[in-house]
Amino acid sequence: MLVDPAHLTAADHLDAAREMAAAGRSFLAYLLAEEAARRTADPATAAGIRAVFPDPNLTREETPSCPPATSSTP
């Protein structure tokens, strides 16, 4: 059974965000949480949702693909 996305609530999006986070799908969890926050009337609650599901592109730490250069003097 298909559900019209217009009928989904903030709670529906937040539940889906939790499921995606548990499945390791952090960016999808972030997008669903953003939609939940957007549909939330209380700004403090929306900020709390955003704090729990931050943008993974802004919070990830890059690991170097090669070791750092070392200087060796003879």
N, C-alpha and C. Protein backbone atom coordinates (compact mmCIF):
# COMPACT_ATOMS: atom_id res chain seq x y z
N MET A 1 0.84 -1.17 0.00
CA MET A 1 0.00 0.00 0.00
C MET A 1 0.89 1.23 0.00
N LEU A 2 0.65 2.12 -0.93
CA LEU A 2 1.42 3.35 -1.03
C LEU A 2 0.80 4.43 -0.17
N VAL A 3 1.66 5.25 0.40
CA VAL A 3 1.21 6.35 1.25
C VAL A 3 1.55 7.65 0.55
N ASP A 4 0.62 8.58 0.54
CA ASP A 4 0.86 9.89 -0.03
C ASP A 4 1.83 10.65 0.88
N PRO A 5 2.99 11.08 0.38
CA PRO A 5 3.95 11.77 1.22
C PRO A 5 3.40 13.02 1.89
N ALA A 6 2.39 13.62 1.31
CA ALA A 6 1.79 14.82 1.90
C ALA A 6 1.11 14.50 3.23
N HIS A 7 0.74 13.25 3.44
CA HIS A 7 0.06 12.86 4.67
C HIS A 7 1.01 12.42 5.79
N LEU A 8 2.31 12.37 5.49
CA LEU A 8 3.27 11.96 6.51
C LEU A 8 3.50 13.11 7.49
N THR A 9 3.66 12.75 8.75
CA THR A 9 3.86 13.74 9.80
C THR A 9 5.35 13.85 10.14
N ALA A 10 5.65 14.81 10.99
CA ALA A 10 7.02 14.96 11.47
C ALA A 10 7.45 13.68 12.20
N ALA A 11 6.54 13.09 12.96
CA ALA A 11 6.86 11.86 13.68
C ALA A 11 7.17 10.72 12.71
N ASP A 12 6.44 10.65 11.59
CA ASP A 12 6.72 9.62 10.59
C ASP A 12 8.13 9.78 10.03
N HIS A 13 8.49 11.02 9.71
CA HIS A 13 9.83 11.28 9.17
C HIS A 13 10.91 10.99 10.22
N LEU A 14 10.64 11.33 11.45
CA LEU A 14 11.61 11.09 12.51
C LEU A 14 11.80 9.59 12.76
N ASP A 15 10.72 8.83 12.72
CA ASP A 15 10.82 7.37 12.84
C ASP A 15 11.67 6.79 11.71
N ALA A 16 11.42 7.27 10.51
CA ALA A 16 12.18 6.79 9.36
C ALA A 16 13.65 7.19 9.49
N ALA A 17 13.92 8.38 10.01
CA ALA A 17 15.30 8.83 10.21
C ALA A 17 16.01 7.90 11.19
N ARG A 18 15.34 7.53 12.25
CA ARG A 18 15.93 6.61 13.23
C ARG A 18 16.24 5.25 12.59
N GLU A 19 15.33 4.76 11.76
CA GLU A 19 15.55 3.49 11.08
C GLU A 19 16.75 3.56 10.15
N MET A 20 16.87 4.66 9.42
CA MET A 20 17.99 4.81 8.49
C MET A 20 19.31 4.95 9.24
N ALA A 21 19.30 5.65 10.35
CA ALA A 21 20.51 5.78 11.16
C ALA A 21 20.95 4.41 11.69
N ALA A 22 19.98 3.62 12.14
CA ALA A 22 20.29 2.28 12.65
C ALA A 22 20.84 1.38 11.54
N ALA A 23 20.43 1.64 10.32
CA ALA A 23 20.89 0.83 9.18
C ALA A 23 22.20 1.36 8.60
N GLY A 24 22.74 2.42 9.21
CA GLY A 24 24.00 2.98 8.72
C GLY A 24 23.84 3.92 7.54
N ARG A 25 22.66 4.37 7.27
CA ARG A 25 22.38 5.28 6.15
C ARG A 25 22.28 6.70 6.69
N SER A 26 23.42 7.25 7.11
CA SER A 26 23.43 8.53 7.84
C SER A 26 22.93 9.71 7.00
N PHE A 27 23.24 9.75 5.71
CA PHE A 27 22.78 10.89 4.92
C PHE A 27 21.27 10.84 4.72
N LEU A 28 20.74 9.68 4.48
CA LEU A 28 19.29 9.55 4.34
C LEU A 28 18.60 9.87 5.67
N ALA A 29 19.20 9.44 6.77
CA ALA A 29 18.66 9.78 8.09
C ALA A 29 18.65 11.29 8.28
N TYR A 30 19.71 11.95 7.88
CA TYR A 30 19.79 13.41 7.97
C TYR A 30 18.69 14.07 7.15
N LEU A 31 18.48 13.62 5.92
CA LEU A 31 17.45 14.21 5.07
C LEU A 31 16.05 14.03 5.66
N LEU A 32 15.78 12.85 6.17
CA LEU A 32 14.47 12.60 6.79
C LEU A 32 14.30 13.44 8.06
N ALA A 33 15.36 13.58 8.83
CA ALA A 33 15.28 14.40 10.04
C ALA A 33 15.09 15.87 9.69
N GLU A 34 15.72 16.32 8.63
CA GLU A 34 15.52 17.71 8.18
C GLU A 34 14.05 17.95 7.84
N GLU A 35 13.44 17.00 7.17
CA GLU A 35 12.02 17.13 6.84
C GLU A 35 11.18 17.11 8.11
N ALA A 36 11.53 16.27 9.06
CA ALA A 36 10.81 16.25 10.34
C ALA A 36 10.94 17.59 11.04
N ALA A 37 12.14 18.14 11.05
CA ALA A 37 12.36 19.44 11.69
C ALA A 37 11.57 20.54 10.97
N ARG A 38 11.54 20.48 9.65
CA ARG A 38 10.80 21.48 8.88
C ARG A 38 9.31 21.43 9.19
N ARG A 39 8.81 20.25 9.47
CA ARG A 39 7.38 20.09 9.75
C ARG A 39 7.04 20.31 11.23
N THR A 40 8.04 20.62 12.04
CA THR A 40 7.83 20.84 13.47
C THR A 40 7.60 22.31 13.73
N ALA A 41 6.55 22.63 14.46
CA ALA A 41 6.20 24.03 14.72
C ALA A 41 7.12 24.68 15.75
N ASP A 42 7.57 23.92 16.73
CA ASP A 42 8.38 24.47 17.81
C ASP A 42 9.84 24.56 17.38
N PRO A 43 10.42 25.77 17.34
CA PRO A 43 11.81 25.91 16.91
C PRO A 43 12.81 25.16 17.79
N ALA A 44 12.55 25.07 19.09
CA ALA A 44 13.46 24.35 19.98
C ALA A 44 13.45 22.86 19.67
N THR A 45 12.28 22.31 19.40
CA THR A 45 12.18 20.89 19.04
C THR A 45 12.88 20.64 17.71
N ALA A 46 12.68 21.53 16.75
CA ALA A 46 13.34 21.40 15.44
C ALA A 46 14.85 21.44 15.60
N ALA A 47 15.36 22.33 16.43
CA ALA A 47 16.80 22.42 16.67
C ALA A 47 17.32 21.14 17.32
N GLY A 48 16.53 20.57 18.22
CA GLY A 48 16.91 19.31 18.85
C GLY A 48 17.01 18.18 17.86
N ILE A 49 16.07 18.13 16.93
CA ILE A 49 16.09 17.09 15.89
C ILE A 49 17.35 17.26 15.05
N ARG A 50 17.63 18.49 14.66
CA ARG A 50 18.82 18.74 13.83
C ARG A 50 20.11 18.41 14.57
N ALA A 51 20.12 18.59 15.88
CA ALA A 51 21.31 18.28 16.66
C ALA A 51 21.55 16.77 16.73
N VAL A 52 20.48 16.00 16.77
CA VAL A 52 20.61 14.54 16.85
C VAL A 52 21.04 13.96 15.51
N PHE A 53 20.61 14.58 14.42
CA PHE A 53 20.91 14.08 13.07
C PHE A 53 21.64 15.16 12.27
N PRO A 54 22.91 15.43 12.58
CA PRO A 54 23.65 16.47 11.84
C PRO A 54 23.99 16.00 10.43
N ASP A 55 24.30 16.95 9.58
CA ASP A 55 24.69 16.64 8.21
C ASP A 55 26.00 15.85 8.24
N PRO A 56 26.00 14.61 7.79
CA PRO A 56 27.22 13.80 7.86
C PRO A 56 28.34 14.35 6.99
N ASN A 57 28.00 15.14 5.98
CA ASN A 57 29.04 15.73 5.14
C ASN A 57 29.80 16.82 5.87
N LEU A 58 29.20 17.39 6.90
CA LEU A 58 29.87 18.45 7.66
C LEU A 58 30.55 17.92 8.91
N THR A 59 30.23 16.70 9.32
CA THR A 59 30.76 16.19 10.58
C THR A 59 31.76 15.06 10.41
N ARG A 60 31.91 14.55 9.21
CA ARG A 60 32.83 13.43 9.04
C ARG A 60 34.27 13.93 9.04
N GLU A 61 35.14 13.06 9.45
CA GLU A 61 36.55 13.38 9.45
C GLU A 61 37.20 12.67 8.27
N GLU A 62 37.96 13.42 7.53
CA GLU A 62 38.64 12.85 6.38
C GLU A 62 39.87 12.08 6.85
N THR A 63 40.06 10.94 6.26
CA THR A 63 41.28 10.18 6.55
C THR A 63 42.19 10.32 5.34
N PRO A 64 43.44 10.57 5.58
CA PRO A 64 44.34 10.75 4.44
C PRO A 64 44.46 9.47 3.62
N SER A 65 44.54 9.64 2.31
CA SER A 65 44.63 8.48 1.44
C SER A 65 46.07 7.98 1.34
N CYS A 66 47.01 8.82 1.71
CA CYS A 66 48.39 8.38 1.71
C CYS A 66 49.06 8.93 2.97
N PRO A 67 50.12 8.32 3.40
CA PRO A 67 50.77 8.81 4.61
C PRO A 67 51.35 10.21 4.40
N PRO A 68 51.43 10.99 5.45
CA PRO A 68 51.98 12.34 5.29
C PRO A 68 53.44 12.30 4.89
N ALA A 69 53.84 13.30 4.16
CA ALA A 69 55.22 13.39 3.71
C ALA A 69 56.13 13.63 4.90
N THR A 70 57.24 12.98 4.88
CA THR A 70 58.23 13.19 5.94
C THR A 70 59.48 13.79 5.31
N SER A 71 60.07 14.65 6.04
CA SER A 71 61.31 15.23 5.51
C SER A 71 62.49 14.52 6.15
N SER A 72 63.37 14.13 5.30
CA SER A 72 64.59 13.49 5.81
C SER A 72 65.77 14.27 5.28
N THR A 73 66.57 14.74 6.16
CA THR A 73 67.76 15.49 5.75
C THR A 73 68.97 14.61 5.92
N PRO A 74 69.85 14.63 4.92
CA PRO A 74 71.05 13.76 5.00
C PRO A 74 72.03 14.25 6.03
